[in-house]
C-alpha cells in the first residue's frame, strides 16, 4: 500500500458513514431548535452611499427599530415605521398590517437580514425620497412544524423612504404599479 493510498483509507475511516450522519443530525437539530430570530442590518462593504452620515444613521435607525419590533412581535411598532401614504404595488398600510398580523400568528422567532448596497437621496425638502437598495431575507419558526421556514427573500430590492413628521418612514415603491408581475417574481411587501 502506498503512502497516498494509506492516507485515503485513513481519511475514510475518520469520517465513517455513521460519523457523517451524526454530524448532519447535529447540524439539522441546531438549525431547528438552536436558532433564534436574530436580525442583522448592515451596509455592505463597497456600498454606494450618496447621503451624509446623519442620514445614514437615521435610515439604519428605521431598520433597527423594524428589527426590534419584529423580534418583539410588536405590530404597532412595525406600523409606526410606515408612511401614512404607504403604497407597494397597490398594497396599502391596512394590507401590510394584515400580513404582519398573520405572520405573527403563524411563526415565532422571526428574524432577517438586510444588506444595503446603495443609499441615495432623490429630490429635496419635503419631496425627498431615500432609495435603499437591499438584499436580504426573513425567516421564522413555524408554530405548526417547529421548523425554521424562509418567509421572504429579496435581491437588489429598492426600499423607498420619505420624510414624514421629521422621521424617515418606509413608503413602498415609486412610480406606476405593474398590472402583472413578470413570471417567477413576487412583490416584497414587508418593508
N, C-alpha and C. Protein backbone atom coordinates (compact mmCIF):
# COMPACT_ATOMS: atom_id res chain seq x y z
N UNK A 1 0.85 -1.17 0.00
CA UNK A 1 0.00 0.00 0.00
C UNK A 1 0.90 1.24 0.00
N UNK A 2 0.67 2.15 -0.91
CA UNK A 2 1.48 3.35 -0.99
C UNK A 2 1.05 4.35 0.07
N UNK A 3 1.88 5.36 0.31
CA UNK A 3 1.56 6.39 1.31
C UNK A 3 0.28 7.12 0.96
N UNK A 4 0.06 7.38 -0.32
CA UNK A 4 -1.14 8.08 -0.76
C UNK A 4 -2.38 7.24 -0.50
N UNK A 5 -2.32 5.95 -0.83
CA UNK A 5 -3.45 5.06 -0.62
C UNK A 5 -3.76 4.93 0.87
N UNK A 6 -2.73 4.78 1.68
CA UNK A 6 -2.93 4.66 3.12
C UNK A 6 -3.60 5.93 3.67
N UNK A 7 -3.21 7.12 3.20
CA UNK A 7 -3.82 8.38 3.62
C UNK A 7 -5.29 8.44 3.25
N UNK A 8 -5.64 7.95 2.08
CA UNK A 8 -7.03 7.94 1.64
C UNK A 8 -7.84 7.00 2.50
N UNK A 9 -7.33 5.81 2.75
CA UNK A 9 -8.04 4.84 3.58
C UNK A 9 -8.19 5.38 5.00
N UNK A 10 -7.12 5.96 5.54
CA UNK A 10 -7.20 6.52 6.89
C UNK A 10 -8.20 7.67 6.92
N UNK A 11 -8.23 8.48 5.87
CA UNK A 11 -9.17 9.59 5.79
C UNK A 11 -10.61 9.09 5.80
N UNK A 12 -10.86 8.00 5.14
CA UNK A 12 -12.22 7.44 5.12
C UNK A 12 -12.63 6.93 6.49
N UNK A 13 -11.70 6.30 7.19
CA UNK A 13 -12.06 5.72 8.47
C UNK A 13 -12.39 6.81 9.50
N UNK A 14 -11.79 7.99 9.40
CA UNK A 14 -12.10 9.06 10.32
C UNK A 14 -13.51 9.62 10.08
N UNK A 15 -13.99 9.56 8.88
CA UNK A 15 -15.32 10.10 8.54
C UNK A 15 -16.21 8.97 8.06
N UNK A 16 -16.42 8.00 8.93
CA UNK A 16 -17.27 6.88 8.58
C UNK A 16 -18.69 7.37 8.29
N UNK A 17 -19.45 6.51 7.71
CA UNK A 17 -20.83 6.85 7.37
C UNK A 17 -21.61 7.25 8.62
N UNK A 18 -21.40 6.54 9.71
CA UNK A 18 -22.09 6.85 10.98
C UNK A 18 -21.71 8.24 11.47
N UNK A 19 -20.44 8.59 11.43
CA UNK A 19 -19.98 9.91 11.88
C UNK A 19 -20.59 11.01 11.04
N UNK A 20 -20.67 10.78 9.74
CA UNK A 20 -21.27 11.80 8.87
C UNK A 20 -22.73 12.01 9.21
N UNK A 21 -23.48 10.94 9.47
CA UNK A 21 -24.90 11.08 9.80
C UNK A 21 -25.09 11.78 11.13
N UNK A 22 -24.23 11.52 12.07
CA UNK A 22 -24.31 12.21 13.36
C UNK A 22 -24.06 13.71 13.16
N UNK A 23 -23.05 14.04 12.37
CA UNK A 23 -22.75 15.43 12.09
C UNK A 23 -23.94 16.12 11.41
N UNK A 24 -24.54 15.47 10.43
CA UNK A 24 -25.71 16.02 9.74
C UNK A 24 -26.87 16.20 10.71
N UNK A 25 -27.10 15.21 11.56
CA UNK A 25 -28.21 15.29 12.53
C UNK A 25 -28.00 16.44 13.51
N UNK A 26 -26.77 16.61 14.00
CA UNK A 26 -26.49 17.71 14.93
C UNK A 26 -26.69 19.05 14.24
N UNK A 27 -26.20 19.18 13.02
CA UNK A 27 -26.38 20.43 12.27
C UNK A 27 -27.85 20.72 12.05
N UNK A 28 -28.62 19.72 11.64
CA UNK A 28 -30.05 19.92 11.39
C UNK A 28 -30.78 20.27 12.68
N UNK A 29 -30.45 19.58 13.76
CA UNK A 29 -31.11 19.86 15.04
C UNK A 29 -30.80 21.27 15.51
N UNK A 30 -29.57 21.72 15.33
CA UNK A 30 -29.23 23.09 15.75
C UNK A 30 -29.97 24.11 14.92
N UNK A 31 -30.20 23.81 13.65
CA UNK A 31 -30.98 24.72 12.82
C UNK A 31 -32.43 24.78 13.25
N UNK A 32 -32.98 23.64 13.64
CA UNK A 32 -34.39 23.58 14.01
C UNK A 32 -34.66 24.21 15.36
N UNK A 33 -33.88 23.86 16.38
CA UNK A 33 -34.20 24.35 17.72
C UNK A 33 -33.18 25.33 18.27
N UNK A 34 -32.04 25.42 17.65
CA UNK A 34 -30.99 26.24 18.23
C UNK A 34 -30.84 27.62 17.64
N UNK A 35 -31.68 27.99 16.68
CA UNK A 35 -31.53 29.30 16.09
C UNK A 35 -32.59 30.23 16.65
N UNK A 36 -32.22 31.48 16.75
CA UNK A 36 -33.17 32.48 17.23
C UNK A 36 -33.51 33.40 16.08
N UNK A 37 -34.51 34.19 16.31
CA UNK A 37 -34.95 35.13 15.29
C UNK A 37 -34.14 36.40 15.31
N UNK A 38 -32.84 36.28 15.29
CA UNK A 38 -31.99 37.46 15.33
C UNK A 38 -31.99 38.14 13.98
N UNK A 39 -31.81 39.45 14.02
CA UNK A 39 -31.80 40.23 12.80
C UNK A 39 -30.46 40.94 12.65
N UNK A 40 -30.12 41.21 11.42
CA UNK A 40 -28.89 41.95 11.15
C UNK A 40 -29.14 42.90 9.99
N UNK A 41 -28.83 44.14 10.18
CA UNK A 41 -28.94 45.14 9.13
C UNK A 41 -27.58 45.81 9.01
N UNK A 42 -27.03 45.79 7.81
CA UNK A 42 -25.71 46.38 7.64
C UNK A 42 -25.54 46.95 6.24
N UNK A 43 -24.54 47.79 6.13
CA UNK A 43 -24.18 48.36 4.83
C UNK A 43 -23.03 47.51 4.29
N UNK A 44 -23.23 46.97 3.11
CA UNK A 44 -22.23 46.08 2.51
C UNK A 44 -20.93 46.83 2.24
N UNK A 45 -19.82 46.10 2.34
CA UNK A 45 -18.53 46.68 2.00
C UNK A 45 -18.58 47.06 0.52
N UNK A 46 -18.15 48.24 0.20
CA UNK A 46 -18.17 48.70 -1.19
C UNK A 46 -19.50 49.30 -1.61
N UNK A 47 -20.41 49.50 -0.65
CA UNK A 47 -21.72 50.08 -0.97
C UNK A 47 -21.55 51.52 -1.46
N UNK A 48 -22.48 51.93 -2.29
CA UNK A 48 -22.52 53.31 -2.76
C UNK A 48 -23.42 54.09 -1.81
N UNK A 49 -22.83 55.04 -1.11
CA UNK A 49 -23.58 55.85 -0.14
C UNK A 49 -23.51 57.30 -0.60
N UNK A 50 -24.67 57.82 -1.02
CA UNK A 50 -24.73 59.18 -1.57
C UNK A 50 -25.46 60.14 -0.65
N UNK A 51 -25.44 59.85 0.65
CA UNK A 51 -26.06 60.73 1.64
C UNK A 51 -25.06 60.96 2.77
N UNK A 52 -25.32 61.96 3.61
CA UNK A 52 -24.41 62.24 4.72
C UNK A 52 -24.58 61.22 5.84
N UNK A 53 -23.63 61.22 6.76
CA UNK A 53 -23.63 60.23 7.84
C UNK A 53 -24.86 60.34 8.73
N UNK A 54 -25.35 61.55 8.95
CA UNK A 54 -26.55 61.72 9.79
C UNK A 54 -27.75 61.01 9.15
N UNK A 55 -27.88 61.11 7.85
CA UNK A 55 -28.98 60.44 7.15
C UNK A 55 -28.80 58.93 7.19
N UNK A 56 -27.57 58.47 7.01
CA UNK A 56 -27.29 57.03 7.12
C UNK A 56 -27.73 56.53 8.50
N UNK A 57 -27.36 57.26 9.54
CA UNK A 57 -27.72 56.87 10.90
C UNK A 57 -29.24 56.81 11.07
N UNK A 58 -29.96 57.77 10.50
CA UNK A 58 -31.42 57.80 10.60
C UNK A 58 -32.04 56.62 9.87
N UNK A 59 -31.52 56.30 8.70
CA UNK A 59 -32.04 55.16 7.93
C UNK A 59 -31.75 53.86 8.66
N UNK A 60 -30.54 53.71 9.17
CA UNK A 60 -30.21 52.50 9.92
C UNK A 60 -31.11 52.38 11.15
N UNK A 61 -31.42 53.51 11.79
CA UNK A 61 -32.29 53.50 12.95
C UNK A 61 -33.69 52.97 12.60
N UNK A 62 -34.21 53.36 11.42
CA UNK A 62 -35.52 52.85 10.98
C UNK A 62 -35.49 51.33 10.90
N UNK A 63 -34.45 50.79 10.27
CA UNK A 63 -34.38 49.34 10.10
C UNK A 63 -34.07 48.61 11.41
N UNK A 64 -33.29 49.23 12.29
CA UNK A 64 -33.05 48.62 13.61
C UNK A 64 -34.35 48.59 14.42
N UNK A 65 -35.14 49.66 14.32
CA UNK A 65 -36.44 49.68 15.01
C UNK A 65 -37.36 48.62 14.43
N UNK A 66 -37.31 48.44 13.11
CA UNK A 66 -38.12 47.39 12.48
C UNK A 66 -37.68 46.02 12.98
N UNK A 67 -36.37 45.78 13.04
CA UNK A 67 -35.86 44.51 13.54
C UNK A 67 -36.34 44.25 14.96
N UNK A 68 -36.27 45.29 15.82
CA UNK A 68 -36.68 45.14 17.22
C UNK A 68 -38.19 44.88 17.32
N UNK A 69 -38.98 45.59 16.53
CA UNK A 69 -40.43 45.41 16.56
C UNK A 69 -40.81 44.00 16.09
N UNK A 70 -40.11 43.50 15.08
CA UNK A 70 -40.38 42.15 14.59
C UNK A 70 -40.02 41.12 15.67
N UNK A 71 -38.86 41.30 16.31
CA UNK A 71 -38.44 40.36 17.35
C UNK A 71 -39.42 40.35 18.52
N UNK A 72 -40.02 41.50 18.81
CA UNK A 72 -40.98 41.61 19.91
C UNK A 72 -42.42 41.30 19.48
N UNK A 73 -42.60 41.01 18.19
CA UNK A 73 -43.94 40.82 17.62
C UNK A 73 -44.83 42.02 17.93
N UNK A 74 -44.26 43.20 17.77
CA UNK A 74 -44.91 44.47 18.07
C UNK A 74 -45.49 45.06 16.78
N UNK A 75 -46.72 44.71 16.49
CA UNK A 75 -47.38 45.15 15.26
C UNK A 75 -47.45 46.67 15.18
N UNK A 76 -47.78 47.33 16.27
CA UNK A 76 -47.88 48.80 16.27
C UNK A 76 -46.51 49.43 16.01
N UNK A 77 -45.46 48.82 16.55
CA UNK A 77 -44.11 49.32 16.31
C UNK A 77 -43.73 49.23 14.84
N UNK A 78 -44.11 48.14 14.20
CA UNK A 78 -43.83 47.99 12.77
C UNK A 78 -44.62 49.02 11.97
N UNK A 79 -45.89 49.15 12.27
CA UNK A 79 -46.75 50.06 11.50
C UNK A 79 -46.32 51.52 11.66
N UNK A 80 -45.76 51.87 12.81
CA UNK A 80 -45.31 53.25 13.05
C UNK A 80 -44.15 53.63 12.12
N UNK A 81 -43.49 52.64 11.54
CA UNK A 81 -42.37 52.90 10.64
C UNK A 81 -42.79 53.10 9.20
N UNK A 82 -44.06 52.86 8.90
CA UNK A 82 -44.58 53.02 7.54
C UNK A 82 -45.23 54.39 7.36
N UNK A 83 -45.02 54.98 6.20
CA UNK A 83 -45.62 56.27 5.88
C UNK A 83 -47.14 56.13 5.78
N UNK A 84 -47.84 57.20 6.07
CA UNK A 84 -49.31 57.15 6.01
C UNK A 84 -49.79 56.89 4.60
N UNK A 85 -49.02 57.32 3.60
CA UNK A 85 -49.41 57.09 2.20
C UNK A 85 -48.66 55.90 1.61
N UNK A 86 -48.31 54.93 2.44
CA UNK A 86 -47.58 53.74 2.01
C UNK A 86 -48.32 53.09 0.84
N UNK A 87 -47.55 52.71 -0.19
CA UNK A 87 -48.12 52.03 -1.35
C UNK A 87 -47.02 51.19 -1.98
N UNK A 88 -47.19 49.90 -1.91
CA UNK A 88 -46.23 49.00 -2.53
C UNK A 88 -47.00 48.08 -3.48
N UNK A 89 -46.87 48.32 -4.76
CA UNK A 89 -47.57 47.54 -5.78
C UNK A 89 -49.06 47.41 -5.45
N UNK A 90 -49.62 48.50 -4.96
CA UNK A 90 -51.06 48.52 -4.66
C UNK A 90 -51.41 48.11 -3.24
N UNK A 91 -50.45 47.60 -2.48
CA UNK A 91 -50.71 47.25 -1.08
C UNK A 91 -50.60 48.52 -0.23
N UNK A 92 -51.58 48.73 0.62
CA UNK A 92 -51.62 49.90 1.49
C UNK A 92 -51.29 49.48 2.92
N UNK A 93 -51.32 50.44 3.85
CA UNK A 93 -50.99 50.16 5.24
C UNK A 93 -51.87 49.06 5.83
N UNK A 94 -53.16 49.08 5.54
CA UNK A 94 -54.07 48.06 6.08
C UNK A 94 -53.65 46.66 5.63
N UNK A 95 -53.18 46.55 4.37
CA UNK A 95 -52.73 45.25 3.85
C UNK A 95 -51.47 44.78 4.57
N UNK A 96 -50.55 45.70 4.81
CA UNK A 96 -49.31 45.35 5.49
C UNK A 96 -49.59 44.95 6.94
N UNK A 97 -50.51 45.65 7.57
CA UNK A 97 -50.91 45.30 8.95
C UNK A 97 -51.44 43.86 8.98
N UNK A 98 -52.30 43.51 8.04
CA UNK A 98 -52.87 42.17 7.99
C UNK A 98 -51.78 41.12 7.74
N UNK A 99 -50.85 41.41 6.83
CA UNK A 99 -49.76 40.47 6.51
C UNK A 99 -48.91 40.22 7.75
N UNK A 100 -48.50 41.29 8.44
CA UNK A 100 -47.67 41.10 9.64
C UNK A 100 -48.43 40.39 10.74
N UNK A 101 -49.72 40.70 10.92
CA UNK A 101 -50.53 40.02 11.95
C UNK A 101 -50.58 38.52 11.66
N UNK A 102 -50.75 38.16 10.40
CA UNK A 102 -50.80 36.74 10.02
C UNK A 102 -49.44 36.07 10.23
N UNK A 103 -48.36 36.79 9.94
CA UNK A 103 -47.03 36.22 10.17
C UNK A 103 -46.81 35.94 11.65
N UNK A 104 -47.24 36.85 12.52
CA UNK A 104 -47.09 36.64 13.96
C UNK A 104 -47.96 35.50 14.45
N UNK A 105 -49.07 35.25 13.78
CA UNK A 105 -49.93 34.12 14.15
C UNK A 105 -49.30 32.78 13.75
N UNK A 106 -48.61 32.76 12.62
CA UNK A 106 -48.08 31.53 12.05
C UNK A 106 -46.66 31.18 12.51
N UNK A 107 -45.86 32.19 12.87
CA UNK A 107 -44.44 31.97 13.15
C UNK A 107 -44.02 32.61 14.46
N UNK A 108 -42.92 32.08 15.01
CA UNK A 108 -42.29 32.69 16.17
C UNK A 108 -40.81 32.89 15.84
N UNK A 109 -40.14 33.66 16.65
CA UNK A 109 -38.71 33.93 16.46
C UNK A 109 -38.40 34.41 15.05
N UNK A 110 -39.20 35.36 14.58
CA UNK A 110 -38.94 35.94 13.26
C UNK A 110 -37.64 36.73 13.29
N UNK A 111 -36.90 36.64 12.22
CA UNK A 111 -35.67 37.40 12.11
C UNK A 111 -35.23 37.47 10.66
N UNK A 112 -34.42 38.44 10.38
CA UNK A 112 -33.98 38.59 9.00
C UNK A 112 -32.68 39.33 8.89
N UNK A 113 -32.26 39.52 7.66
CA UNK A 113 -31.04 40.27 7.36
C UNK A 113 -31.33 41.26 6.25
N UNK A 114 -30.68 42.38 6.33
CA UNK A 114 -30.70 43.39 5.27
C UNK A 114 -29.26 43.78 4.99
N UNK A 115 -28.83 43.67 3.74
CA UNK A 115 -27.53 44.14 3.32
C UNK A 115 -27.75 45.26 2.32
N UNK A 116 -27.39 46.48 2.70
CA UNK A 116 -27.60 47.64 1.84
C UNK A 116 -26.40 47.79 0.91
N UNK A 117 -26.68 47.91 -0.38
CA UNK A 117 -25.61 48.10 -1.35
C UNK A 117 -25.60 49.51 -1.93
N UNK A 118 -26.69 50.25 -1.70
CA UNK A 118 -26.73 51.64 -2.17
C UNK A 118 -27.75 52.40 -1.34
N UNK A 119 -27.37 53.61 -0.95
CA UNK A 119 -28.29 54.53 -0.27
C UNK A 119 -28.16 55.86 -0.99
N UNK A 120 -29.26 56.30 -1.59
CA UNK A 120 -29.24 57.54 -2.37
C UNK A 120 -30.45 58.39 -2.02
N UNK A 121 -30.27 59.71 -2.13
CA UNK A 121 -31.36 60.65 -1.89
C UNK A 121 -31.76 61.26 -3.22
N UNK A 122 -33.06 61.23 -3.50
CA UNK A 122 -33.59 61.79 -4.73
C UNK A 122 -34.53 62.92 -4.34
N UNK A 123 -34.36 64.08 -4.96
CA UNK A 123 -35.20 65.23 -4.63
C UNK A 123 -34.69 65.94 -3.39
N UNK A 124 -35.46 66.96 -2.97
CA UNK A 124 -35.05 67.72 -1.80
C UNK A 124 -36.27 68.20 -1.04
N UNK A 125 -36.01 68.66 0.17
CA UNK A 125 -37.07 69.19 1.01
C UNK A 125 -38.12 68.14 1.33
N UNK A 126 -39.40 68.56 1.31
CA UNK A 126 -40.49 67.64 1.65
C UNK A 126 -40.73 66.59 0.56
N UNK A 127 -40.13 66.78 -0.61
CA UNK A 127 -40.27 65.82 -1.71
C UNK A 127 -39.11 64.82 -1.78
N UNK A 128 -38.20 64.89 -0.84
CA UNK A 128 -37.03 64.00 -0.85
C UNK A 128 -37.46 62.55 -0.60
N UNK A 129 -36.79 61.67 -1.30
CA UNK A 129 -37.01 60.23 -1.14
C UNK A 129 -35.64 59.58 -0.98
N UNK A 130 -35.54 58.69 -0.01
CA UNK A 130 -34.32 57.90 0.15
C UNK A 130 -34.56 56.56 -0.52
N UNK A 131 -33.66 56.16 -1.39
CA UNK A 131 -33.72 54.86 -2.05
C UNK A 131 -32.62 53.98 -1.47
N UNK A 132 -33.03 52.88 -0.84
CA UNK A 132 -32.08 51.96 -0.22
C UNK A 132 -32.14 50.64 -0.99
N UNK A 133 -31.08 50.34 -1.73
CA UNK A 133 -31.01 49.09 -2.47
C UNK A 133 -30.54 48.00 -1.51
N UNK A 134 -31.30 46.92 -1.46
CA UNK A 134 -31.11 45.95 -0.38
C UNK A 134 -31.27 44.52 -0.88
N UNK A 135 -30.48 43.63 -0.30
CA UNK A 135 -30.63 42.20 -0.48
C UNK A 135 -30.82 41.62 0.92
N UNK A 136 -31.77 40.70 1.06
CA UNK A 136 -31.99 40.16 2.39
C UNK A 136 -33.00 39.04 2.42
N UNK A 137 -33.37 38.68 3.64
CA UNK A 137 -34.33 37.59 3.82
C UNK A 137 -35.01 37.73 5.17
N UNK A 138 -36.13 37.03 5.30
CA UNK A 138 -36.88 36.94 6.55
C UNK A 138 -37.25 35.48 6.75
N UNK A 139 -37.06 35.00 7.96
CA UNK A 139 -37.44 33.62 8.28
C UNK A 139 -38.05 33.58 9.67
N UNK A 140 -38.71 32.48 9.97
CA UNK A 140 -39.30 32.30 11.28
C UNK A 140 -39.51 30.83 11.55
N UNK A 141 -39.78 30.50 12.80
CA UNK A 141 -40.05 29.12 13.16
C UNK A 141 -41.56 28.90 13.12
N UNK A 142 -41.97 27.96 12.32
CA UNK A 142 -43.39 27.63 12.18
C UNK A 142 -43.94 27.15 13.52
N UNK A 143 -45.08 27.70 13.91
CA UNK A 143 -45.72 27.26 15.15
C UNK A 143 -46.37 25.89 14.97
N UNK A 144 -46.52 25.44 13.74
CA UNK A 144 -47.11 24.13 13.47
C UNK A 144 -46.04 23.05 13.43
N UNK A 145 -45.01 23.26 12.61
CA UNK A 145 -44.00 22.21 12.43
C UNK A 145 -42.81 22.34 13.37
N UNK A 146 -42.57 23.54 13.87
CA UNK A 146 -41.39 23.76 14.70
C UNK A 146 -40.12 23.95 13.90
N UNK A 147 -40.24 24.01 12.58
CA UNK A 147 -39.07 24.16 11.71
C UNK A 147 -38.89 25.61 11.31
N UNK A 148 -37.62 26.02 11.13
CA UNK A 148 -37.36 27.36 10.61
C UNK A 148 -37.72 27.35 9.13
N UNK A 149 -38.49 28.37 8.74
CA UNK A 149 -39.03 28.44 7.39
C UNK A 149 -38.63 29.77 6.75
N UNK A 150 -38.13 29.74 5.51
CA UNK A 150 -37.88 31.00 4.81
C UNK A 150 -39.24 31.62 4.43
N UNK A 151 -39.46 32.85 4.80
CA UNK A 151 -40.73 33.52 4.54
C UNK A 151 -40.63 34.43 3.33
N UNK A 152 -39.54 35.16 3.25
CA UNK A 152 -39.38 36.12 2.16
C UNK A 152 -37.89 36.31 1.91
N UNK A 153 -37.53 36.57 0.68
CA UNK A 153 -36.17 36.94 0.36
C UNK A 153 -36.22 37.90 -0.82
N UNK A 154 -35.20 38.71 -0.93
CA UNK A 154 -35.18 39.71 -1.98
C UNK A 154 -33.75 40.00 -2.38
N UNK A 155 -33.58 40.39 -3.63
CA UNK A 155 -32.27 40.69 -4.18
C UNK A 155 -32.34 42.03 -4.88
N UNK A 156 -31.51 42.96 -4.45
CA UNK A 156 -31.42 44.30 -5.04
C UNK A 156 -32.80 44.99 -5.10
N UNK A 157 -33.60 44.75 -4.09
CA UNK A 157 -34.90 45.42 -3.95
C UNK A 157 -34.62 46.85 -3.47
N UNK A 158 -35.42 47.80 -3.95
CA UNK A 158 -35.25 49.17 -3.50
C UNK A 158 -36.35 49.51 -2.50
N UNK A 159 -35.92 49.83 -1.27
CA UNK A 159 -36.83 50.31 -0.24
C UNK A 159 -36.88 51.84 -0.38
N UNK A 160 -38.09 52.40 -0.44
CA UNK A 160 -38.25 53.83 -0.55
C UNK A 160 -38.70 54.39 0.79
N UNK A 161 -38.02 55.43 1.24
CA UNK A 161 -38.38 56.07 2.50
C UNK A 161 -38.64 57.56 2.25
N UNK A 162 -39.65 58.11 2.93
CA UNK A 162 -39.97 59.52 2.81
C UNK A 162 -39.93 60.15 4.20
N UNK A 163 -39.68 61.44 4.22
CA UNK A 163 -39.63 62.16 5.47
C UNK A 163 -41.06 62.56 5.85
N UNK A 164 -41.50 62.08 7.01
CA UNK A 164 -42.86 62.35 7.46
C UNK A 164 -42.81 62.64 8.96
N UNK A 165 -43.26 63.82 9.35
CA UNK A 165 -43.21 64.20 10.76
C UNK A 165 -41.79 64.28 11.29
N UNK A 166 -40.85 64.63 10.42
CA UNK A 166 -39.45 64.76 10.82
C UNK A 166 -38.70 63.44 10.94
N UNK A 167 -39.35 62.33 10.52
CA UNK A 167 -38.75 60.99 10.63
C UNK A 167 -38.86 60.29 9.28
N UNK A 168 -37.80 59.56 8.92
CA UNK A 168 -37.86 58.76 7.70
C UNK A 168 -38.77 57.56 7.93
N UNK A 169 -39.69 57.32 6.98
CA UNK A 169 -40.63 56.21 7.08
C UNK A 169 -40.64 55.42 5.77
N UNK A 170 -40.92 54.14 5.88
CA UNK A 170 -40.97 53.25 4.72
C UNK A 170 -42.21 53.61 3.91
N UNK A 171 -42.01 53.82 2.60
CA UNK A 171 -43.09 54.34 1.77
C UNK A 171 -43.54 53.40 0.66
N UNK A 172 -42.84 52.31 0.43
CA UNK A 172 -43.25 51.41 -0.65
C UNK A 172 -42.42 51.64 -1.89
N UNK A 173 -43.08 51.59 -3.05
CA UNK A 173 -42.33 51.75 -4.29
C UNK A 173 -42.74 53.05 -4.99
N UNK A 174 -41.87 53.49 -5.86
CA UNK A 174 -42.14 54.72 -6.60
C UNK A 174 -42.59 54.35 -8.01
N UNK A 175 -43.31 55.24 -8.62
CA UNK A 175 -43.73 55.02 -10.00
C UNK A 175 -45.00 54.20 -10.09
N UNK A 176 -45.30 53.79 -11.30
CA UNK A 176 -46.52 53.04 -11.55
C UNK A 176 -46.42 51.62 -11.06
N UNK A 177 -47.55 51.06 -10.72
CA UNK A 177 -47.62 49.67 -10.29
C UNK A 177 -47.94 48.82 -11.52
N UNK A 178 -47.08 47.83 -11.82
CA UNK A 178 -47.38 46.99 -12.98
C UNK A 178 -48.64 46.16 -12.72
N UNK A 179 -49.45 45.99 -13.76
CA UNK A 179 -50.67 45.20 -13.62
C UNK A 179 -50.34 43.74 -13.35
N UNK A 180 -49.32 43.23 -14.03
CA UNK A 180 -48.91 41.83 -13.86
C UNK A 180 -47.41 41.81 -13.64
N UNK A 181 -46.99 41.11 -12.62
CA UNK A 181 -45.56 40.97 -12.37
C UNK A 181 -44.98 39.92 -13.31
N UNK A 182 -43.70 40.05 -13.68
CA UNK A 182 -43.07 39.04 -14.53
C UNK A 182 -43.12 37.67 -13.87
N UNK A 183 -43.17 36.63 -14.71
CA UNK A 183 -43.21 35.25 -14.20
C UNK A 183 -42.04 35.00 -13.27
N UNK A 184 -42.33 34.35 -12.15
CA UNK A 184 -41.28 33.98 -11.21
C UNK A 184 -40.93 35.05 -10.20
N UNK A 185 -41.62 36.19 -10.24
CA UNK A 185 -41.34 37.24 -9.27
C UNK A 185 -42.56 37.45 -8.38
N UNK A 186 -42.30 37.95 -7.22
CA UNK A 186 -43.37 38.26 -6.28
C UNK A 186 -43.03 39.58 -5.61
N UNK A 187 -44.03 40.35 -5.23
CA UNK A 187 -43.72 41.59 -4.55
C UNK A 187 -43.13 41.32 -3.17
N UNK A 188 -42.34 42.23 -2.71
CA UNK A 188 -41.71 42.13 -1.38
C UNK A 188 -42.35 43.20 -0.50
N UNK A 189 -43.50 42.90 0.11
CA UNK A 189 -44.26 43.93 0.79
C UNK A 189 -43.83 44.22 2.22
N UNK A 190 -42.88 43.49 2.75
CA UNK A 190 -42.64 43.58 4.18
C UNK A 190 -41.85 44.80 4.60
N UNK A 191 -41.21 45.51 3.68
CA UNK A 191 -40.52 46.75 4.04
C UNK A 191 -40.69 47.78 2.97
